[in-house]
Structure formats: structure tokens, C-alpha cells
Amino acid sequence: MITLSHYLVVSGILFALGLAGVVARRNIIIIYMCLEMMLSAANLTLVAFSRFHVLAGLPDYSAQALVFFTITVAAAEVAVGLAIIVALYRSKQSVEVESVTKLQG
């Protein structure tokens, strides 16, 4: 039987992989994908806690409502973030972090 600790371990591994990708990579797109993986790990944790928190014999779905909100915010973040990445690529012709840190013409 799968317990809450199984979900938390998977979520922790996903978050750690995302954090390692943010720290180690130099490509902005890879860093952005790792940030989204970290957000998904947090959402998995929220859903797991919501599923295993039982009130009157039924799961408490209040945290899952928060997950829908975070998914909506993540969708808006993707739209804005990718637009910024495309604009930086057009101006610098590169998606490497070093080329973006120097925002001189």
C-alpha cells in the first residue's frame, strides 16, 4: 500500500533534482524547466497531504483547491517567462546565463 511517506519521498526527490538543475545548469531554458519541476513537487506534496488528511471519513480537498490556483499561476508564469527568454535570445543571440548577467548593449 502506498502511504503518505512514499509521496513525500517522490516529491522530495523531484524538488532536489529541480534545485540541482537550477544550481548546476547555465542554460536559461533548462533552469526554467527545473523551476517548474520544483513547483510540481510542491503541488504533489499539497495533493498528498490533502488526500491523506481525512475529515469525517472523506478526504479534505481544500489543499487541492490551492493546487488549482498554483497551476493557474504557473501557466501565467510560463507565458511571461518564455516571452522574456525569447526577448533575451533576440537581443543577445544566446540562452546562456553569462550572456544575460551582463545587460549592456
PDB file of N, CA and C in Angstrom:
ATOM      1  N   MET A   1       0.838  -1.181   0.000  1.00  0.00           N
ATOM      2  CA  MET A   1       0.000   0.000   0.000  1.00  0.00           C
ATOM      3  C   MET A   1       0.889   1.254   0.000  1.00  0.00           C
ATOM      4  N   ILE A   2       0.514   2.216  -0.785  1.00  0.00           N
ATOM      5  CA  ILE A   2       1.268   3.463  -0.886  1.00  0.00           C
ATOM      6  C   ILE A   2       0.809   4.401   0.215  1.00  0.00           C
ATOM      7  N   THR A   3       1.773   4.897   0.981  1.00  0.00           N
ATOM      8  CA  THR A   3       1.459   5.782   2.101  1.00  0.00           C
ATOM      9  C   THR A   3       1.882   7.214   1.776  1.00  0.00           C
ATOM     10  N   LEU A   4       1.614   8.093   2.728  1.00  0.00           N
ATOM     11  CA  LEU A   4       1.988   9.495   2.563  1.00  0.00           C
ATOM     12  C   LEU A   4       3.497   9.653   2.429  1.00  0.00           C
ATOM     13  N   SER A   5       4.241   8.858   3.146  1.00  0.00           N
ATOM     14  CA  SER A   5       5.699   8.988   3.092  1.00  0.00           C
ATOM     15  C   SER A   5       6.242   8.668   1.697  1.00  0.00           C
ATOM     16  N   HIS A   6       5.598   7.759   0.971  1.00  0.00           N
ATOM     17  CA  HIS A   6       6.032   7.473  -0.399  1.00  0.00           C
ATOM     18  C   HIS A   6       5.888   8.720  -1.284  1.00  0.00           C
ATOM     19  N   TYR A   7       4.744   9.387  -1.163  1.00  0.00           N
ATOM     20  CA  TYR A   7       4.530  10.605  -1.952  1.00  0.00           C
ATOM     21  C   TYR A   7       5.529  11.698  -1.560  1.00  0.00           C
ATOM     22  N   LEU A   8       5.803  11.805  -0.273  1.00  0.00           N
ATOM     23  CA  LEU A   8       6.736  12.832   0.179  1.00  0.00           C
ATOM     24  C   LEU A   8       8.162  12.549  -0.283  1.00  0.00           C
ATOM     25  N   VAL A   9       8.540  11.288  -0.341  1.00  0.00           N
ATOM     26  CA  VAL A   9       9.870  10.930  -0.849  1.00  0.00           C
ATOM     27  C   VAL A   9       9.991  11.283  -2.327  1.00  0.00           C
ATOM     28  N   VAL A  10       8.974  10.939  -3.111  1.00  0.00           N
ATOM     29  CA  VAL A  10       8.993  11.272  -4.542  1.00  0.00           C
ATOM     30  C   VAL A  10       9.022  12.783  -4.733  1.00  0.00           C
ATOM     31  N   SER A  11       8.227  13.484  -3.951  1.00  0.00           N
ATOM     32  CA  SER A  11       8.206  14.940  -4.042  1.00  0.00           C
ATOM     33  C   SER A  11       9.555  15.535  -3.653  1.00  0.00           C
ATOM     34  N   GLY A  12      10.179  15.001  -2.621  1.00  0.00           N
ATOM     35  CA  GLY A  12      11.496  15.480  -2.210  1.00  0.00           C
ATOM     36  C   GLY A  12      12.558  15.232  -3.266  1.00  0.00           C
ATOM     37  N   ILE A  13      12.482  14.064  -3.904  1.00  0.00           N
ATOM     38  CA  ILE A  13      13.440  13.753  -4.975  1.00  0.00           C
ATOM     39  C   ILE A  13      13.244  14.698  -6.158  1.00  0.00           C
ATOM     40  N   LEU A  14      11.991  14.943  -6.542  1.00  0.00           N
ATOM     41  CA  LEU A  14      11.720  15.874  -7.641  1.00  0.00           C
ATOM     42  C   LEU A  14      12.217  17.280  -7.309  1.00  0.00           C
ATOM     43  N   PHE A  15      11.973  17.706  -6.074  1.00  0.00           N
ATOM     44  CA  PHE A  15      12.413  19.040  -5.680  1.00  0.00           C
ATOM     45  C   PHE A  15      13.935  19.128  -5.667  1.00  0.00           C
ATOM     46  N   ALA A  16      14.595  18.091  -5.168  1.00  0.00           N
ATOM     47  CA  ALA A  16      16.059  18.090  -5.131  1.00  0.00           C
ATOM     48  C   ALA A  16      16.652  18.086  -6.538  1.00  0.00           C
ATOM     49  N   LEU A  17      16.065  17.315  -7.444  1.00  0.00           N
ATOM     50  CA  LEU A  17      16.536  17.320  -8.839  1.00  0.00           C
ATOM     51  C   LEU A  17      16.352  18.693  -9.475  1.00  0.00           C
ATOM     52  N   GLY A  18      15.221  19.322  -9.202  1.00  0.00           N
ATOM     53  CA  GLY A  18      14.982  20.659  -9.731  1.00  0.00           C
ATOM     54  C   GLY A  18      15.965  21.672  -9.174  1.00  0.00           C
ATOM     55  N   LEU A  19      16.227  21.589  -7.883  1.00  0.00           N
ATOM     56  CA  LEU A  19      17.180  22.503  -7.260  1.00  0.00           C
ATOM     57  C   LEU A  19      18.590  22.287  -7.806  1.00  0.00           C
ATOM     58  N   ALA A  20      18.973  21.036  -7.983  1.00  0.00           N
ATOM     59  CA  ALA A  20      20.283  20.745  -8.560  1.00  0.00           C
ATOM     60  C   ALA A  20      20.385  21.280  -9.982  1.00  0.00           C
ATOM     61  N   GLY A  21      19.307  21.173 -10.745  1.00  0.00           N
ATOM     62  CA  GLY A  21      19.309  21.705 -12.101  1.00  0.00           C
ATOM     63  C   GLY A  21      19.421  23.213 -12.137  1.00  0.00           C
ATOM     64  N   VAL A  22      18.773  23.892 -11.202  1.00  0.00           N
ATOM     65  CA  VAL A  22      18.857  25.355 -11.148  1.00  0.00           C
ATOM     66  C   VAL A  22      20.268  25.800 -10.783  1.00  0.00           C
ATOM     67  N   VAL A  23      20.880  25.090  -9.850  1.00  0.00           N
ATOM     68  CA  VAL A  23      22.214  25.484  -9.389  1.00  0.00           C
ATOM     69  C   VAL A  23      23.292  25.135 -10.415  1.00  0.00           C
ATOM     70  N   ALA A  24      23.169  23.992 -11.071  1.00  0.00           N
ATOM     71  CA  ALA A  24      24.261  23.482 -11.904  1.00  0.00           C
ATOM     72  C   ALA A  24      24.201  23.916 -13.364  1.00  0.00           C
ATOM     73  N   ARG A  25      23.055  24.210 -13.877  1.00  0.00           N
ATOM     74  CA  ARG A  25      22.936  24.484 -15.316  1.00  0.00           C
ATOM     75  C   ARG A  25      23.210  25.935 -15.657  1.00  0.00           C
ATOM     76  N   ARG A  26      23.556  26.153 -16.918  1.00  0.00           N
ATOM     77  CA  ARG A  26      23.812  27.503 -17.412  1.00  0.00           C
ATOM     78  C   ARG A  26      22.818  27.930 -18.481  1.00  0.00           C
ATOM     79  N   ASN A  27      22.030  27.022 -18.965  1.00  0.00           N
ATOM     80  CA  ASN A  27      21.042  27.330 -19.987  1.00  0.00           C
ATOM     81  C   ASN A  27      19.764  27.827 -19.314  1.00  0.00           C
ATOM     82  N   ILE A  28      19.273  28.975 -19.724  1.00  0.00           N
ATOM     83  CA  ILE A  28      18.105  29.585 -19.088  1.00  0.00           C
ATOM     84  C   ILE A  28      16.871  28.703 -19.245  1.00  0.00           C
ATOM     85  N   ILE A  29      16.713  28.061 -20.365  1.00  0.00           N
ATOM     86  CA  ILE A  29      15.535  27.221 -20.593  1.00  0.00           C
ATOM     87  C   ILE A  29      15.556  26.008 -19.664  1.00  0.00           C
ATOM     88  N   ILE A  30      16.712  25.395 -19.480  1.00  0.00           N
ATOM     89  CA  ILE A  30      16.829  24.257 -18.560  1.00  0.00           C
ATOM     90  C   ILE A  30      16.551  24.719 -17.131  1.00  0.00           C
ATOM     91  N   ILE A  31      17.071  25.875 -16.752  1.00  0.00           N
ATOM     92  CA  ILE A  31      16.818  26.408 -15.412  1.00  0.00           C
ATOM     93  C   ILE A  31      15.325  26.641 -15.221  1.00  0.00           C
ATOM     94  N   TYR A  32      14.681  27.166 -16.215  1.00  0.00           N
ATOM     95  CA  TYR A  32      13.243  27.428 -16.151  1.00  0.00           C
ATOM     96  C   TYR A  32      12.453  26.127 -16.002  1.00  0.00           C
ATOM     97  N   MET A  33      12.844  25.091 -16.734  1.00  0.00           N
ATOM     98  CA  MET A  33      12.170  23.795 -16.602  1.00  0.00           C
ATOM     99  C   MET A  33      12.391  23.201 -15.220  1.00  0.00           C
ATOM    100  N   CYS A  34      13.575  23.394 -14.653  1.00  0.00           N
ATOM    101  CA  CYS A  34      13.843  22.887 -13.304  1.00  0.00           C
ATOM    102  C   CYS A  34      13.022  23.634 -12.262  1.00  0.00           C
ATOM    103  N   LEU A  35      12.815  24.928 -12.461  1.00  0.00           N
ATOM    104  CA  LEU A  35      11.940  25.672 -11.561  1.00  0.00           C
ATOM    105  C   LEU A  35      10.513  25.149 -11.620  1.00  0.00           C
ATOM    106  N   GLU A  36      10.053  24.817 -12.817  1.00  0.00           N
ATOM    107  CA  GLU A  36       8.707  24.245 -12.960  1.00  0.00           C
ATOM    108  C   GLU A  36       8.628  22.866 -12.298  1.00  0.00           C
ATOM    109  N   MET A  37       9.723  22.098 -12.347  1.00  0.00           N
ATOM    110  CA  MET A  37       9.736  20.798 -11.673  1.00  0.00           C
ATOM    111  C   MET A  37       9.633  20.979 -10.163  1.00  0.00           C
ATOM    112  N   MET A  38      10.294  21.997  -9.637  1.00  0.00           N
ATOM    113  CA  MET A  38      10.200  22.271  -8.209  1.00  0.00           C
ATOM    114  C   MET A  38       8.771  22.669  -7.824  1.00  0.00           C
ATOM    115  N   LEU A  39       8.119  23.440  -8.661  1.00  0.00           N
ATOM    116  CA  LEU A  39       6.729  23.812  -8.403  1.00  0.00           C
ATOM    117  C   LEU A  39       5.817  22.590  -8.456  1.00  0.00           C
ATOM    118  N   SER A  40       6.076  21.685  -9.366  1.00  0.00           N
ATOM    119  CA  SER A  40       5.293  20.447  -9.444  1.00  0.00           C
ATOM    120  C   SER A  40       5.512  19.568  -8.219  1.00  0.00           C
ATOM    121  N   ALA A  41       6.716  19.559  -7.680  1.00  0.00           N
ATOM    122  CA  ALA A  41       6.983  18.802  -6.461  1.00  0.00           C
ATOM    123  C   ALA A  41       6.193  19.376  -5.292  1.00  0.00           C
ATOM    124  N   ALA A  42       6.114  20.690  -5.210  1.00  0.00           N
ATOM    125  CA  ALA A  42       5.316  21.315  -4.154  1.00  0.00           C
ATOM    126  C   ALA A  42       3.834  20.985  -4.329  1.00  0.00           C
ATOM    127  N   ASN A  43       3.359  20.977  -5.563  1.00  0.00           N
ATOM    128  CA  ASN A  43       1.962  20.618  -5.827  1.00  0.00           C
ATOM    129  C   ASN A  43       1.692  19.167  -5.453  1.00  0.00           C
ATOM    130  N   LEU A  44       2.628  18.286  -5.739  1.00  0.00           N
ATOM    131  CA  LEU A  44       2.467  16.884  -5.362  1.00  0.00           C
ATOM    132  C   LEU A  44       2.370  16.735  -3.849  1.00  0.00           C
ATOM    133  N   THR A  45       3.162  17.483  -3.124  1.00  0.00           N
ATOM    134  CA  THR A  45       3.100  17.454  -1.669  1.00  0.00           C
ATOM    135  C   THR A  45       1.746  17.941  -1.167  1.00  0.00           C
ATOM    136  N   LEU A  46       1.248  19.025  -1.757  1.00  0.00           N
ATOM    137  CA  LEU A  46      -0.061  19.531  -1.348  1.00  0.00           C
ATOM    138  C   LEU A  46      -1.170  18.513  -1.603  1.00  0.00           C
ATOM    139  N   VAL A  47      -1.144  17.880  -2.764  1.00  0.00           N
ATOM    140  CA  VAL A  47      -2.171  16.888  -3.093  1.00  0.00           C
ATOM    141  C   VAL A  47      -2.065  15.683  -2.163  1.00  0.00           C
ATOM    142  N   ALA A  48      -0.860  15.259  -1.865  1.00  0.00           N
ATOM    143  CA  ALA A  48      -0.676  14.107  -0.975  1.00  0.00           C
ATOM    144  C   ALA A  48      -1.202  14.410   0.425  1.00  0.00           C
ATOM    145  N   PHE A  49      -0.850  15.574   0.963  1.00  0.00           N
ATOM    146  CA  PHE A  49      -1.352  15.933   2.284  1.00  0.00           C
ATOM    147  C   PHE A  49      -2.875  16.050   2.282  1.00  0.00           C
ATOM    148  N   SER A  50      -3.413  16.604   1.201  1.00  0.00           N
ATOM    149  CA  SER A  50      -4.860  16.735   1.106  1.00  0.00           C
ATOM    150  C   SER A  50      -5.536  15.372   1.041  1.00  0.00           C
ATOM    151  N   ARG A  51      -4.955  14.453   0.325  1.00  0.00           N
ATOM    152  CA  ARG A  51      -5.552  13.126   0.163  1.00  0.00           C
ATOM    153  C   ARG A  51      -5.512  12.317   1.449  1.00  0.00           C
ATOM    154  N   PHE A  52      -4.453  12.447   2.199  1.00  0.00           N
ATOM    155  CA  PHE A  52      -4.306  11.643   3.401  1.00  0.00           C
ATOM    156  C   PHE A  52      -4.849  12.325   4.659  1.00  0.00           C
ATOM    157  N   HIS A  53      -5.322  13.549   4.550  1.00  0.00           N
ATOM    158  CA  HIS A  53      -5.969  14.224   5.682  1.00  0.00           C
ATOM    159  C   HIS A  53      -7.468  13.961   5.576  1.00  0.00           C
ATOM    160  N   VAL A  54      -7.961  13.072   6.398  1.00  0.00           N
ATOM    161  CA  VAL A  54      -9.345  12.615   6.317  1.00  0.00           C
ATOM    162  C   VAL A  54     -10.176  13.313   7.375  1.00  0.00           C
ATOM    163  N   LEU A  55     -11.298  13.899   6.939  1.00  0.00           N
ATOM    164  CA  LEU A  55     -12.269  14.517   7.840  1.00  0.00           C
ATOM    165  C   LEU A  55     -13.610  13.819   7.667  1.00  0.00           C
ATOM    166  N   ALA A  56     -14.127  13.248   8.721  1.00  0.00           N
ATOM    167  CA  ALA A  56     -15.425  12.564   8.722  1.00  0.00           C
ATOM    168  C   ALA A  56     -15.472  11.464   7.659  1.00  0.00           C
ATOM    169  N   GLY A  57     -14.361  10.758   7.486  1.00  0.00           N
ATOM    170  CA  GLY A  57     -14.318   9.647   6.547  1.00  0.00           C
ATOM    171  C   GLY A  57     -14.077  10.028   5.107  1.00  0.00           C
ATOM    172  N   LEU A  58     -13.975  11.325   4.806  1.00  0.00           N
ATOM    173  CA  LEU A  58     -13.742  11.793   3.438  1.00  0.00           C
ATOM    174  C   LEU A  58     -12.447  12.599   3.383  1.00  0.00           C
ATOM    175  N   PRO A  59     -11.750  12.537   2.256  1.00  0.00           N
ATOM    176  CA  PRO A  59     -10.524  13.344   2.128  1.00  0.00           C
ATOM    177  C   PRO A  59     -10.838  14.835   2.173  1.00  0.00           C
ATOM    178  N   ASP A  60      -9.914  15.600   2.730  1.00  0.00           N
ATOM    179  CA  ASP A  60     -10.046  17.056   2.783  1.00  0.00           C
ATOM    180  C   ASP A  60      -9.465  17.630   1.492  1.00  0.00           C
ATOM    181  N   TYR A  61     -10.325  18.217   0.671  1.00  0.00           N
ATOM    182  CA  TYR A  61      -9.898  18.678  -0.650  1.00  0.00           C
ATOM    183  C   TYR A  61      -9.505  20.154  -0.680  1.00  0.00           C
ATOM    184  N   SER A  62      -9.330  20.783   0.464  1.00  0.00           N
ATOM    185  CA  SER A  62      -9.007  22.210   0.467  1.00  0.00           C
ATOM    186  C   SER A  62      -7.620  22.485  -0.122  1.00  0.00           C
ATOM    187  N   ALA A  63      -6.659  21.613   0.124  1.00  0.00           N
ATOM    188  CA  ALA A  63      -5.326  21.825  -0.442  1.00  0.00           C
ATOM    189  C   ALA A  63      -5.321  21.598  -1.952  1.00  0.00           C
ATOM    190  N   GLN A  64      -6.195  20.735  -2.430  1.00  0.00           N
ATOM    191  CA  GLN A  64      -6.263  20.517  -3.879  1.00  0.00           C
ATOM    192  C   GLN A  64      -6.823  21.739  -4.589  1.00  0.00           C
ATOM    193  N   ALA A  65      -7.663  22.508  -3.913  1.00  0.00           N
ATOM    194  CA  ALA A  65      -8.114  23.777  -4.493  1.00  0.00           C
ATOM    195  C   ALA A  65      -6.944  24.746  -4.612  1.00  0.00           C
ATOM    196  N   LEU A  66      -6.044  24.726  -3.642  1.00  0.00           N
ATOM    197  CA  LEU A  66      -4.838  25.551  -3.710  1.00  0.00           C
ATOM    198  C   LEU A  66      -3.942  25.123  -4.872  1.00  0.00           C
ATOM    199  N   VAL A  67      -3.914  23.833  -5.163  1.00  0.00           N
ATOM    200  CA  VAL A  67      -3.116  23.326  -6.286  1.00  0.00           C
ATOM    201  C   VAL A  67      -3.639  23.888  -7.605  1.00  0.00           C
ATOM    202  N   PHE A  68      -4.961  23.965  -7.766  1.00  0.00           N
ATOM    203  CA  PHE A  68      -5.506  24.559  -8.996  1.00  0.00           C
ATOM    204  C   PHE A  68      -5.087  26.015  -9.128  1.00  0.00           C
ATOM    205  N   PHE A  69      -5.040  26.733  -8.018  1.00  0.00           N
ATOM    206  CA  PHE A  69      -4.579  28.115  -8.046  1.00  0.00           C
ATOM    207  C   PHE A  69      -3.115  28.191  -8.449  1.00  0.00           C
ATOM    208  N   THR A  70      -2.275  27.332  -7.884  1.00  0.00           N
ATOM    209  CA  THR A  70      -0.855  27.370  -8.229  1.00  0.00           C
ATOM    210  C   THR A  70      -0.609  26.944  -9.670  1.00  0.00           C
ATOM    211  N   ILE A  71      -1.411  26.032 -10.182  1.00  0.00           N
ATOM    212  CA  ILE A  71      -1.280  25.653 -11.594  1.00  0.00           C
ATOM    213  C   ILE A  71      -1.643  26.823 -12.497  1.00  0.00           C
ATOM    214  N   THR A  72      -2.663  27.583 -12.119  1.00  0.00           N
ATOM    215  CA  THR A  72      -3.043  28.767 -12.888  1.00  0.00           C
ATOM    216  C   THR A  72      -1.928  29.815 -12.865  1.00  0.00           C
ATOM    217  N   VAL A  73      -1.344  30.026 -11.708  1.00  0.00           N
ATOM    218  CA  VAL A  73      -0.237  30.975 -11.600  1.00  0.00           C
ATOM    219  C   VAL A  73       0.966  30.480 -12.406  1.00  0.00           C
ATOM    220  N   ALA A  74       1.221  29.166 -12.387  1.00  0.00           N
ATOM    221  CA  ALA A  74       2.333  28.601 -13.152  1.00  0.00           C
ATOM    222  C   ALA A  74       2.114  28.776 -14.652  1.00  0.00           C
ATOM    223  N   ALA A  75       0.873  28.650 -15.101  1.00  0.00           N
ATOM    224  CA  ALA A  75       0.591  28.852 -16.529  1.00  0.00           C
ATOM    225  C   ALA A  75       0.872  30.293 -16.935  1.00  0.00           C
ATOM    226  N   ALA A  76       0.491  31.236 -16.091  1.00  0.00           N
ATOM    227  CA  ALA A  76       0.795  32.640 -16.387  1.00  0.00           C
ATOM    228  C   ALA A  76       2.294  32.888 -16.328  1.00  0.00           C
ATOM    229  N   GLU A  77       2.964  32.235 -15.389  1.00  0.00           N
ATOM    230  CA  GLU A  77       4.411  32.365 -15.271  1.00  0.00           C
ATOM    231  C   GLU A  77       5.117  31.836 -16.514  1.00  0.00           C
ATOM    232  N   VAL A  78       4.635  30.739 -17.048  1.00  0.00           N
ATOM    233  CA  VAL A  78       5.223  30.174 -18.267  1.00  0.00           C
ATOM    234  C   VAL A  78       5.091  31.152 -19.424  1.00  0.00           C
ATOM    235  N   ALA A  79       3.924  31.750 -19.562  1.00  0.00           N
ATOM    236  CA  ALA A  79       3.722  32.695 -20.670  1.00  0.00           C
ATOM    237  C   ALA A  79       4.660  33.893 -20.551  1.00  0.00           C
ATOM    238  N   VAL A  80       4.747  34.464 -19.373  1.00  0.00           N
ATOM    239  CA  VAL A  80       5.603  35.641 -19.183  1.00  0.00           C
ATOM    240  C   VAL A  80       7.075  35.253 -19.246  1.00  0.00           C
ATOM    241  N   GLY A  81       7.435  34.145 -18.597  1.00  0.00           N
ATOM    242  CA  GLY A  81       8.830  33.710 -18.582  1.00  0.00           C
ATOM    243  C   GLY A  81       9.360  33.379 -19.959  1.00  0.00           C
ATOM    244  N   LEU A  82       8.579  32.656 -20.740  1.00  0.00           N
ATOM    245  CA  LEU A  82       9.034  32.327 -22.090  1.00  0.00           C
ATOM    246  C   LEU A  82       9.123  33.563 -22.971  1.00  0.00           C
ATOM    247  N   ALA A  83       8.235  34.520 -22.764  1.00  0.00           N
ATOM    248  CA  ALA A  83       8.329  35.772 -23.525  1.00  0.00           C
ATOM    249  C   ALA A  83       9.617  36.513 -23.181  1.00  0.00           C
ATOM    250  N   ILE A  84       9.987  36.514 -21.908  1.00  0.00           N
ATOM    251  CA  ILE A  84      11.237  37.161 -21.502  1.00  0.00           C
ATOM    252  C   ILE A  84      12.438  36.422 -22.083  1.00  0.00           C
ATOM    253  N   ILE A  85      12.399  35.096 -22.056  1.00  0.00           N
ATOM    254  CA  ILE A  85      13.502  34.310 -22.608  1.00  0.00           C
ATOM    255  C   ILE A  85      13.649  34.551 -24.108  1.00  0.00           C
ATOM    256  N   VAL A  86      12.547  34.610 -24.825  1.00  0.00           N
ATOM    257  CA  VAL A  86      12.600  34.888 -26.273  1.00  0.00           C
ATOM    258  C   VAL A  86      13.156  36.288 -26.525  1.00  0.00           C
ATOM    259  N   ALA A  87      12.742  37.267 -25.733  1.00  0.00           N
ATOM    260  CA  ALA A  87      13.252  38.628 -25.901  1.00  0.00           C
ATOM    261  C   ALA A  87      14.753  38.693 -25.613  1.00  0.00           C
ATOM    262  N   LEU A  88      15.202  37.975 -24.585  1.00  0.00           N
ATOM    263  CA  LEU A  88      16.644  37.947 -24.291  1.00  0.00           C
ATOM    264  C   LEU A  88      17.418  37.246 -25.393  1.00  0.00           C
ATOM    265  N   TYR A  89      16.847  36.193 -25.950  1.00  0.00           N
ATOM    266  CA  TYR A  89      17.531  35.497 -27.034  1.00  0.00           C
ATOM    267  C   TYR A  89      17.639  36.389 -28.267  1.00  0.00           C
ATOM    268  N   ARG A  90      16.587  37.128 -28.538  1.00  0.00           N
ATOM    269  CA  ARG A  90      16.638  38.025 -29.707  1.00  0.00           C
ATOM    270  C   ARG A  90      17.673  39.128 -29.532  1.00  0.00           C
ATOM    271  N   SER A  91      17.857  39.594 -28.302  1.00  0.00           N
ATOM    272  CA  SER A  91      18.815  40.681 -28.107  1.00  0.00           C
ATOM    273  C   SER A  91      20.250  40.180 -27.952  1.00  0.00           C
ATOM    274  N   LYS A  92      20.453  39.021 -27.336  1.00  0.00           N
ATOM    275  CA  LYS A  92      21.799  38.510 -27.067  1.00  0.00           C
ATOM    276  C   LYS A  92      22.218  37.351 -27.968  1.00  0.00           C
ATOM    277  N   GLN A  93      21.292  36.729 -28.673  1.00  0.00           N
ATOM    278  CA  GLN A  93      21.553  35.569 -29.531  1.00  0.00           C
ATOM    279  C   GLN A  93      22.124  34.393 -28.741  1.00  0.00           C
ATOM    280  N   SER A  94      21.732  34.284 -27.483  1.00  0.00           N
ATOM    281  CA  SER A  94      22.199  33.200 -26.640  1.00  0.00           C
ATOM    282  C   SER A  94      21.218  33.009 -25.491  1.00  0.00           C
ATOM    283  N   VAL A  95      21.151  31.776 -24.987  1.00  0.00           N
ATOM    284  CA  VAL A  95      20.318  31.499 -23.817  1.00  0.00           C
ATOM    285  C   VAL A  95      21.181  31.076 -22.633  1.00  0.00           C
ATOM    286  N   GLU A  96      22.457  31.424 -22.675  1.00  0.00           N
ATOM    287  CA  GLU A  96      23.359  31.126 -21.574  1.00  0.00           C
ATOM    288  C   GLU A  96      23.239  32.211 -20.511  1.00  0.00           C
ATOM    289  N   VAL A  97      23.401  31.823 -19.252  1.00  0.00           N
ATOM    290  CA  VAL A  97      23.233  32.745 -18.137  1.00  0.00           C
ATOM    291  C   VAL A  97      24.279  33.850 -18.176  1.00  0.00           C
ATOM    292  N   GLU A  98      25.504  33.528 -18.560  1.00  0.00           N
ATOM    293  CA  GLU A  98      26.569  34.526 -18.566  1.00  0.00           C
ATOM    294  C   GLU A  98      26.265  35.687 -19.511  1.00  0.00           C
ATOM    295  N   SER A  99      25.605  35.401 -20.622  1.00  0.00           N
ATOM    296  CA  SER A  99      25.311  36.475 -21.571  1.00  0.00           C
ATOM    297  C   SER A  99      24.194  37.373 -21.071  1.00  0.00           C
ATOM    298  N   VAL A 100      23.384  36.871 -20.173  1.00  0.00           N
ATOM    299  CA  VAL A 100      22.263  37.666 -19.651  1.00  0.00           C
ATOM    300  C   VAL A 100      22.685  38.481 -18.443  1.00  0.00           C
ATOM    301  N   THR A 101      23.665  38.011 -17.700  1.00  0.00           N
ATOM    302  CA  THR A 101      24.076  38.754 -16.499  1.00  0.00           C
ATOM    303  C   THR A 101      24.685  40.100 -16.849  1.00  0.00           C
ATOM    304  N   LYS A 102      25.243  40.210 -18.010  1.00  0.00           N
ATOM    305  CA  LYS A 102      25.778  41.499 -18.473  1.00  0.00           C
ATOM    306  C   LYS A 102      24.754  42.116 -19.419  1.00  0.00           C
ATOM    307  N   LEU A 103      23.897  42.957 -18.890  1.00  0.00           N
ATOM    308  CA  LEU A 103      22.815  43.526 -19.687  1.00  0.00           C
ATOM    309  C   LEU A 103      23.236  44.829 -20.379  1.00  0.00           C
ATOM    310  N   GLN A 104      24.481  44.855 -20.812  1.00  0.00           N
ATOM    311  CA  GLN A 104      24.948  46.020 -21.533  1.00  0.00           C
ATOM    312  C   GLN A 104      24.777  45.749 -23.034  1.00  0.00           C
ATOM    313  N   GLY A 105      24.577  46.802 -23.802  1.00  0.00           N
ATOM    314  CA  GLY A 105      24.329  46.691 -25.223  1.00  0.00           C
ATOM    315  C   GLY A 105      25.430  46.189 -26.005  1.00  0.00           C
TER     316      GLY A 105
END
